[in-house]
Amino acid sequence: MEREEPTPPGSEEDDVAAGYEEVEEEDRGTDEWNGYSQMSVAEDEEVVEEWKPGQPATTKQVLRMNRYTRDYLCSPEDNIYNINFSRFKIRDLGSGAVMLDMKREIRGIKPEDIPVGRFIRYRFSPTFLALREIGAFVNTCEHIYCLPELDPGILEEIIASPYETRSDSFYFANNTLIMHHKAEYSFKRQRASIVG
């Protein structure tokens, strides 16, 4: 698998990837295939702070959200392609260590009979927060993520507040939101126990 070298945070390429800079007309990249092109976020544009269920969501609106959503922005029935994740693995690219490996057996089972999991709680050790690059393997595709270096005060707050760190994952097909997953994370230190 070929992999691109990460760009340093705050670089021009990083800004383009985040959608904060206009892409030149002749260099639209791979985003044009689904009708979505990167856009600039002008200072006078309103950031989406809250979304109500039932309102259609676009990729542009999702990118402008500034917090975790309270509700799901689509229903399980919106997954008209019956997409299910049968495997999810997270690994540290530096050491190759596997941090999480979840598999669902689906042989002989129709995809529509597998329960749709839209919420998950992750429990990692605080050392996870020191990682700089991870691979998230979903079914047959690995996504590479560069993790930011966080201020020590923020790290302590994250560790001291289990499941208060949250994320939303949005999946679009043909510019339509078809899946919305939520996750909560705990990075709490494990207490040592003595057996004997």
C-alpha atoms as a PDB file:
ATOM      1  CA  MET A   1       0.000   0.000   0.000  1.00  0.00           C
ATOM      2  CA  GLU A   2       1.434   3.313  -1.043  1.00  0.00           C
ATOM      3  CA  ARG A   3       1.132   6.095   1.479  1.00  0.00           C
ATOM      4  CA  GLU A   4       1.657   9.829   1.258  1.00  0.00           C
ATOM      5  CA  GLU A   5       3.939  11.534   3.740  1.00  0.00           C
ATOM      6  CA  PRO A   6       1.963  13.635   6.238  1.00  0.00           C
ATOM      7  CA  THR A   7       2.070  17.385   5.913  1.00  0.00           C
ATOM      8  CA  PRO A   8       2.918  19.421   8.990  1.00  0.00           C
ATOM      9  CA  PRO A   9      -0.074  20.950  10.808  1.00  0.00           C
ATOM     10  CA  GLY A  10      -0.773  24.487   9.691  1.00  0.00           C
ATOM     11  CA  SER A  11       0.841  23.986   6.289  1.00  0.00           C
ATOM     12  CA  GLU A  12      -0.810  25.227   3.109  1.00  0.00           C
ATOM     13  CA  GLU A  13      -1.506  21.638   2.032  1.00  0.00           C
ATOM     14  CA  ASP A  14      -3.096  20.928   5.422  1.00  0.00           C
ATOM     15  CA  ASP A  15      -5.367  23.981   5.003  1.00  0.00           C
ATOM     16  CA  VAL A  16      -6.428  22.822   1.551  1.00  0.00           C
ATOM     17  CA  ALA A  17      -7.220  19.338   2.858  1.00  0.00           C
ATOM     18  CA  ALA A  18      -9.329  20.886   5.627  1.00  0.00           C
ATOM     19  CA  GLY A  19     -11.294  22.878   3.057  1.00  0.00           C
ATOM     20  CA  TYR A  20     -10.178  26.340   4.154  1.00  0.00           C
ATOM     21  CA  GLU A  21      -8.575  27.478   0.959  1.00  0.00           C
ATOM     22  CA  GLU A  22      -9.902  27.763  -2.551  1.00  0.00           C
ATOM     23  CA  VAL A  23      -8.474  25.188  -4.941  1.00  0.00           C
ATOM     24  CA  GLU A  24      -7.372  26.516  -8.330  1.00  0.00           C
ATOM     25  CA  GLU A  25      -9.754  25.676 -11.165  1.00  0.00           C
ATOM     26  CA  GLU A  26      -7.318  23.448 -13.064  1.00  0.00           C
ATOM     27  CA  ASP A  27      -6.352  21.438  -9.943  1.00  0.00           C
ATOM     28  CA  ARG A  28      -9.610  20.033  -8.591  1.00  0.00           C
ATOM     29  CA  GLY A  29      -8.054  16.773  -7.409  1.00  0.00           C
ATOM     30  CA  THR A  30     -10.042  13.681  -6.552  1.00  0.00           C
ATOM     31  CA  ASP A  31     -12.974  15.459  -4.892  1.00  0.00           C
ATOM     32  CA  GLU A  32     -14.697  16.324  -8.151  1.00  0.00           C
ATOM     33  CA  TRP A  33     -15.862  12.772  -8.850  1.00  0.00           C
ATOM     34  CA  ASN A  34     -18.854  13.102  -6.523  1.00  0.00           C
ATOM     35  CA  GLY A  35     -19.708  16.700  -7.299  1.00  0.00           C
ATOM     36  CA  TYR A  36     -18.058  18.017  -4.136  1.00  0.00           C
ATOM     37  CA  SER A  37     -15.247  20.475  -4.450  1.00  0.00           C
ATOM     38  CA  GLN A  38     -13.244  22.013  -1.667  1.00  0.00           C
ATOM     39  CA  MET A  39     -14.471  25.397  -0.574  1.00  0.00           C
ATOM     40  CA  SER A  40     -13.214  28.314   1.380  1.00  0.00           C
ATOM     41  CA  VAL A  41     -14.864  29.269   4.647  1.00  0.00           C
ATOM     42  CA  ALA A  42     -15.226  33.028   4.665  1.00  0.00           C
ATOM     43  CA  GLU A  43     -15.061  34.849   7.978  1.00  0.00           C
ATOM     44  CA  ASP A  44     -18.621  36.118   7.562  1.00  0.00           C
ATOM     45  CA  GLU A  45     -20.036  32.623   6.923  1.00  0.00           C
ATOM     46  CA  GLU A  46     -21.904  31.181   9.861  1.00  0.00           C
ATOM     47  CA  VAL A  47     -20.460  28.103  11.548  1.00  0.00           C
ATOM     48  CA  VAL A  48     -23.051  25.372  12.035  1.00  0.00           C
ATOM     49  CA  GLU A  49     -23.413  24.905  15.783  1.00  0.00           C
ATOM     50  CA  GLU A  50     -26.461  22.684  15.907  1.00  0.00           C
ATOM     51  CA  TRP A  51     -28.429  20.543  13.514  1.00  0.00           C
ATOM     52  CA  LYS A  52     -31.923  19.206  13.868  1.00  0.00           C
ATOM     53  CA  PRO A  53     -32.889  15.666  12.818  1.00  0.00           C
ATOM     54  CA  GLY A  54     -34.729  15.530   9.518  1.00  0.00           C
ATOM     55  CA  GLN A  55     -32.875  18.488   8.003  1.00  0.00           C
ATOM     56  CA  PRO A  56     -30.869  17.394   4.969  1.00  0.00           C
ATOM     57  CA  ALA A  57     -27.138  17.693   5.586  1.00  0.00           C
ATOM     58  CA  THR A  58     -24.573  18.487   2.914  1.00  0.00           C
ATOM     59  CA  THR A  59     -20.834  17.880   2.970  1.00  0.00           C
ATOM     60  CA  LYS A  60     -20.255  21.633   3.175  1.00  0.00           C
ATOM     61  CA  GLN A  61     -22.514  21.981   6.218  1.00  0.00           C
ATOM     62  CA  VAL A  62     -20.924  19.007   7.972  1.00  0.00           C
ATOM     63  CA  LEU A  63     -17.434  20.450   7.439  1.00  0.00           C
ATOM     64  CA  ARG A  64     -18.582  23.708   9.055  1.00  0.00           C
ATOM     65  CA  MET A  65     -19.875  22.050  12.234  1.00  0.00           C
ATOM     66  CA  ASN A  66     -17.946  23.055  15.322  1.00  0.00           C
ATOM     67  CA  ARG A  67     -19.109  20.466  17.845  1.00  0.00           C
ATOM     68  CA  TYR A  68     -20.509  17.004  18.432  1.00  0.00           C
ATOM     69  CA  THR A  69     -24.134  16.639  17.361  1.00  0.00           C
ATOM     70  CA  ARG A  70     -26.792  15.809  19.935  1.00  0.00           C
ATOM     71  CA  ASP A  71     -28.889  13.782  17.501  1.00  0.00           C
ATOM     72  CA  TYR A  72     -28.288  11.645  14.440  1.00  0.00           C
ATOM     73  CA  LEU A  73     -28.583  13.580  11.178  1.00  0.00           C
ATOM     74  CA  CYS A  74     -29.994  10.622   9.279  1.00  0.00           C
ATOM     75  CA  SER A  75     -31.852   7.427  10.062  1.00  0.00           C
ATOM     76  CA  PRO A  76     -30.635   3.833   9.602  1.00  0.00           C
ATOM     77  CA  GLU A  77     -33.084   3.572   6.705  1.00  0.00           C
ATOM     78  CA  ASP A  78     -31.061   6.206   4.808  1.00  0.00           C
ATOM     79  CA  ASN A  79     -28.340   3.574   4.319  1.00  0.00           C
ATOM     80  CA  ILE A  80     -29.934   2.458   1.034  1.00  0.00           C
ATOM     81  CA  TYR A  81     -26.751   0.629   0.024  1.00  0.00           C
ATOM     82  CA  ASN A  82     -26.825  -1.626   3.139  1.00  0.00           C
ATOM     83  CA  ILE A  83     -23.234  -0.753   4.015  1.00  0.00           C
ATOM     84  CA  ASN A  84     -21.987  -2.523   7.142  1.00  0.00           C
ATOM     85  CA  PHE A  85     -18.551  -2.460   8.695  1.00  0.00           C
ATOM     86  CA  SER A  86     -17.480  -6.031   9.331  1.00  0.00           C
ATOM     87  CA  ARG A  87     -13.994  -5.142  10.566  1.00  0.00           C
ATOM     88  CA  PHE A  88     -12.415  -2.157  12.280  1.00  0.00           C
ATOM     89  CA  LYS A  89      -8.786  -2.058  13.329  1.00  0.00           C
ATOM     90  CA  ILE A  90      -6.652   0.798  14.685  1.00  0.00           C
ATOM     91  CA  ARG A  91      -2.878   0.520  14.678  1.00  0.00           C
ATOM     92  CA  ASP A  92       0.077   2.721  15.519  1.00  0.00           C
ATOM     93  CA  LEU A  93       1.938   3.263  12.261  1.00  0.00           C
ATOM     94  CA  GLY A  94       5.188   4.006  14.108  1.00  0.00           C
ATOM     95  CA  SER A  95       5.451   0.663  15.908  1.00  0.00           C
ATOM     96  CA  GLY A  96       2.863  -1.408  14.066  1.00  0.00           C
ATOM     97  CA  ALA A  97       1.133  -2.198  17.388  1.00  0.00           C
ATOM     98  CA  VAL A  98      -2.578  -2.954  17.070  1.00  0.00           C
ATOM     99  CA  MET A  99      -4.594  -0.821  19.486  1.00  0.00           C
ATOM    100  CA  LEU A 100      -8.030  -2.211  18.579  1.00  0.00           C
ATOM    101  CA  ASP A 101      -9.285  -5.007  16.336  1.00  0.00           C
ATOM    102  CA  MET A 102     -13.022  -5.610  16.083  1.00  0.00           C
ATOM    103  CA  LYS A 103     -14.496  -8.153  13.683  1.00  0.00           C
ATOM    104  CA  ARG A 104     -18.054  -9.180  12.988  1.00  0.00           C
ATOM    105  CA  GLU A 105     -18.585 -12.587  11.447  1.00  0.00           C
ATOM    106  CA  ILE A 106     -20.874 -12.197   8.466  1.00  0.00           C
ATOM    107  CA  ARG A 107     -20.395 -15.431   6.494  1.00  0.00           C
ATOM    108  CA  GLY A 108     -23.779 -16.875   5.607  1.00  0.00           C
ATOM    109  CA  ILE A 109     -25.607 -13.835   6.972  1.00  0.00           C
ATOM    110  CA  LYS A 110     -27.338 -11.317   4.752  1.00  0.00           C
ATOM    111  CA  PRO A 111     -25.985  -7.752   5.296  1.00  0.00           C
ATOM    112  CA  GLU A 112     -29.481  -6.472   6.090  1.00  0.00           C
ATOM    113  CA  ASP A 113     -29.674  -8.969   8.997  1.00  0.00           C
ATOM    114  CA  ILE A 114     -26.595  -7.515  10.729  1.00  0.00           C
ATOM    115  CA  PRO A 115     -27.593  -4.944  13.350  1.00  0.00           C
ATOM    116  CA  VAL A 116     -26.562  -1.433  12.445  1.00  0.00           C
ATOM    117  CA  GLY A 117     -24.127  -0.138  15.055  1.00  0.00           C
ATOM    118  CA  ARG A 118     -24.270   3.645  15.063  1.00  0.00           C
ATOM    119  CA  PHE A 119     -22.675   4.281  18.448  1.00  0.00           C
ATOM    120  CA  ILE A 120     -19.502   2.963  20.035  1.00  0.00           C
ATOM    121  CA  ARG A 121     -17.527   3.685  23.196  1.00  0.00           C
ATOM    122  CA  TYR A 122     -13.757   3.328  22.934  1.00  0.00           C
ATOM    123  CA  ARG A 123     -11.527   2.730  25.942  1.00  0.00           C
ATOM    124  CA  PHE A 124      -7.837   3.456  25.355  1.00  0.00           C
ATOM    125  CA  SER A 125      -4.915   4.064  27.691  1.00  0.00           C
ATOM    126  CA  PRO A 126      -3.487   7.603  27.950  1.00  0.00           C
ATOM    127  CA  THR A 127      -0.511   6.471  25.836  1.00  0.00           C
ATOM    128  CA  PHE A 128      -2.842   6.528  22.811  1.00  0.00           C
ATOM    129  CA  LEU A 129      -2.846  10.330  23.059  1.00  0.00           C
ATOM    130  CA  ALA A 130       0.921  10.378  22.493  1.00  0.00           C
ATOM    131  CA  LEU A 131       0.638   8.648  19.102  1.00  0.00           C
ATOM    132  CA  ARG A 132       1.311  10.831  16.075  1.00  0.00           C
ATOM    133  CA  GLU A 133       0.101   8.661  13.201  1.00  0.00           C
ATOM    134  CA  ILE A 134      -2.456   5.856  13.175  1.00  0.00           C
ATOM    135  CA  GLY A 135      -4.025   3.629  10.584  1.00  0.00           C
ATOM    136  CA  ALA A 136      -7.748   2.931  10.829  1.00  0.00           C
ATOM    137  CA  PHE A 137      -8.619  -0.161   8.822  1.00  0.00           C
ATOM    138  CA  VAL A 138     -12.314  -0.353   7.882  1.00  0.00           C
ATOM    139  CA  ASN A 139     -13.348  -3.522   6.018  1.00  0.00           C
ATOM    140  CA  THR A 140     -10.731  -3.527   3.223  1.00  0.00           C
ATOM    141  CA  CYS A 141      -9.442   0.061   3.329  1.00  0.00           C
ATOM    142  CA  GLU A 142      -6.945   1.670   5.693  1.00  0.00           C
ATOM    143  CA  HIS A 143      -7.263   5.394   6.429  1.00  0.00           C
ATOM    144  CA  ILE A 144      -4.134   7.170   7.666  1.00  0.00           C
ATOM    145  CA  TYR A 145      -4.575   9.876  10.308  1.00  0.00           C
ATOM    146  CA  CYS A 146      -1.986  12.322  11.612  1.00  0.00           C
ATOM    147  CA  LEU A 147      -2.853  13.165  15.202  1.00  0.00           C
ATOM    148  CA  PRO A 148      -2.217  16.640  16.606  1.00  0.00           C
ATOM    149  CA  GLU A 149       0.155  17.371  19.429  1.00  0.00           C
ATOM    150  CA  LEU A 150      -2.026  18.593  22.299  1.00  0.00           C
ATOM    151  CA  ASP A 151      -1.274  21.044  25.085  1.00  0.00           C
ATOM    152  CA  PRO A 152      -0.503  19.193  28.370  1.00  0.00           C
ATOM    153  CA  GLY A 153      -3.446  20.903  30.099  1.00  0.00           C
ATOM    154  CA  ILE A 154      -5.864  19.678  27.429  1.00  0.00           C
ATOM    155  CA  LEU A 155      -4.400  16.168  27.656  1.00  0.00           C
ATOM    156  CA  GLU A 156      -4.995  16.079  31.416  1.00  0.00           C
ATOM    157  CA  GLU A 157      -8.563  17.309  30.928  1.00  0.00           C
ATOM    158  CA  ILE A 158      -9.237  14.604  28.314  1.00  0.00           C
ATOM    159  CA  ILE A 159      -7.795  11.897  30.582  1.00  0.00           C
ATOM    160  CA  ALA A 160      -9.754  13.175  33.623  1.00  0.00           C
ATOM    161  CA  SER A 161     -13.067  13.250  31.703  1.00  0.00           C
ATOM    162  CA  PRO A 162     -13.869   9.757  30.409  1.00  0.00           C
ATOM    163  CA  TYR A 163     -16.332   9.661  27.507  1.00  0.00           C
ATOM    164  CA  GLU A 164     -16.510  13.457  27.251  1.00  0.00           C
ATOM    165  CA  THR A 165     -14.308  13.337  24.132  1.00  0.00           C
ATOM    166  CA  ARG A 166     -16.725  12.612  21.291  1.00  0.00           C
ATOM    167  CA  SER A 167     -16.829  12.400  17.539  1.00  0.00           C
ATOM    168  CA  ASP A 168     -19.268  12.211  14.657  1.00  0.00           C
ATOM    169  CA  SER A 169     -18.533  10.289  11.447  1.00  0.00           C
ATOM    170  CA  PHE A 170     -20.557  11.136   8.371  1.00  0.00           C
ATOM    171  CA  TYR A 171     -20.763   8.926   5.275  1.00  0.00           C
ATOM    172  CA  PHE A 172     -22.032  10.373   2.012  1.00  0.00           C
ATOM    173  CA  ALA A 173     -22.895   8.668  -1.291  1.00  0.00           C
ATOM    174  CA  ASN A 174     -23.849  10.730  -4.331  1.00  0.00           C
ATOM    175  CA  ASN A 175     -23.869  13.865  -2.135  1.00  0.00           C
ATOM    176  CA  THR A 176     -26.464  12.330   0.190  1.00  0.00           C
ATOM    177  CA  LEU A 177     -25.833  11.540   3.854  1.00  0.00           C
ATOM    178  CA  ILE A 178     -26.446   7.805   4.195  1.00  0.00           C
ATOM    179  CA  MET A 179     -24.815   7.017   7.561  1.00  0.00           C
ATOM    180  CA  HIS A 180     -23.977   8.918  10.729  1.00  0.00           C
ATOM    181  CA  HIS A 181     -22.001   7.219  13.491  1.00  0.00           C
ATOM    182  CA  LYS A 182     -21.131   8.577  16.926  1.00  0.00           C
ATOM    183  CA  ALA A 183     -18.314   7.653  19.273  1.00  0.00           C
ATOM    184  CA  GLU A 184     -17.180   8.511  22.789  1.00  0.00           C
ATOM    185  CA  TYR A 185     -13.650   7.988  24.076  1.00  0.00           C
ATOM    186  CA  SER A 186     -12.069   7.285  27.434  1.00  0.00           C
ATOM    187  CA  PHE A 187      -8.326   7.612  27.984  1.00  0.00           C
ATOM    188  CA  LYS A 188      -8.488   6.982  31.723  1.00  0.00           C
ATOM    189  CA  ARG A 189      -5.479   5.563  33.512  1.00  0.00           C
ATOM    190  CA  GLN A 190      -6.016   1.971  34.596  1.00  0.00           C
ATOM    191  CA  ARG A 191      -5.590   1.203  38.258  1.00  0.00           C
ATOM    192  CA  ALA A 192      -3.073  -1.464  39.142  1.00  0.00           C
ATOM    193  CA  SER A 193      -4.531  -4.443  40.918  1.00  0.00           C
ATOM    194  CA  ILE A 194      -2.857  -7.151  42.967  1.00  0.00           C
ATOM    195  CA  VAL A 195      -4.021 -10.704  42.531  1.00  0.00           C
ATOM    196  CA  GLY A 196      -3.141 -13.184  45.201  1.00  0.00           C
END
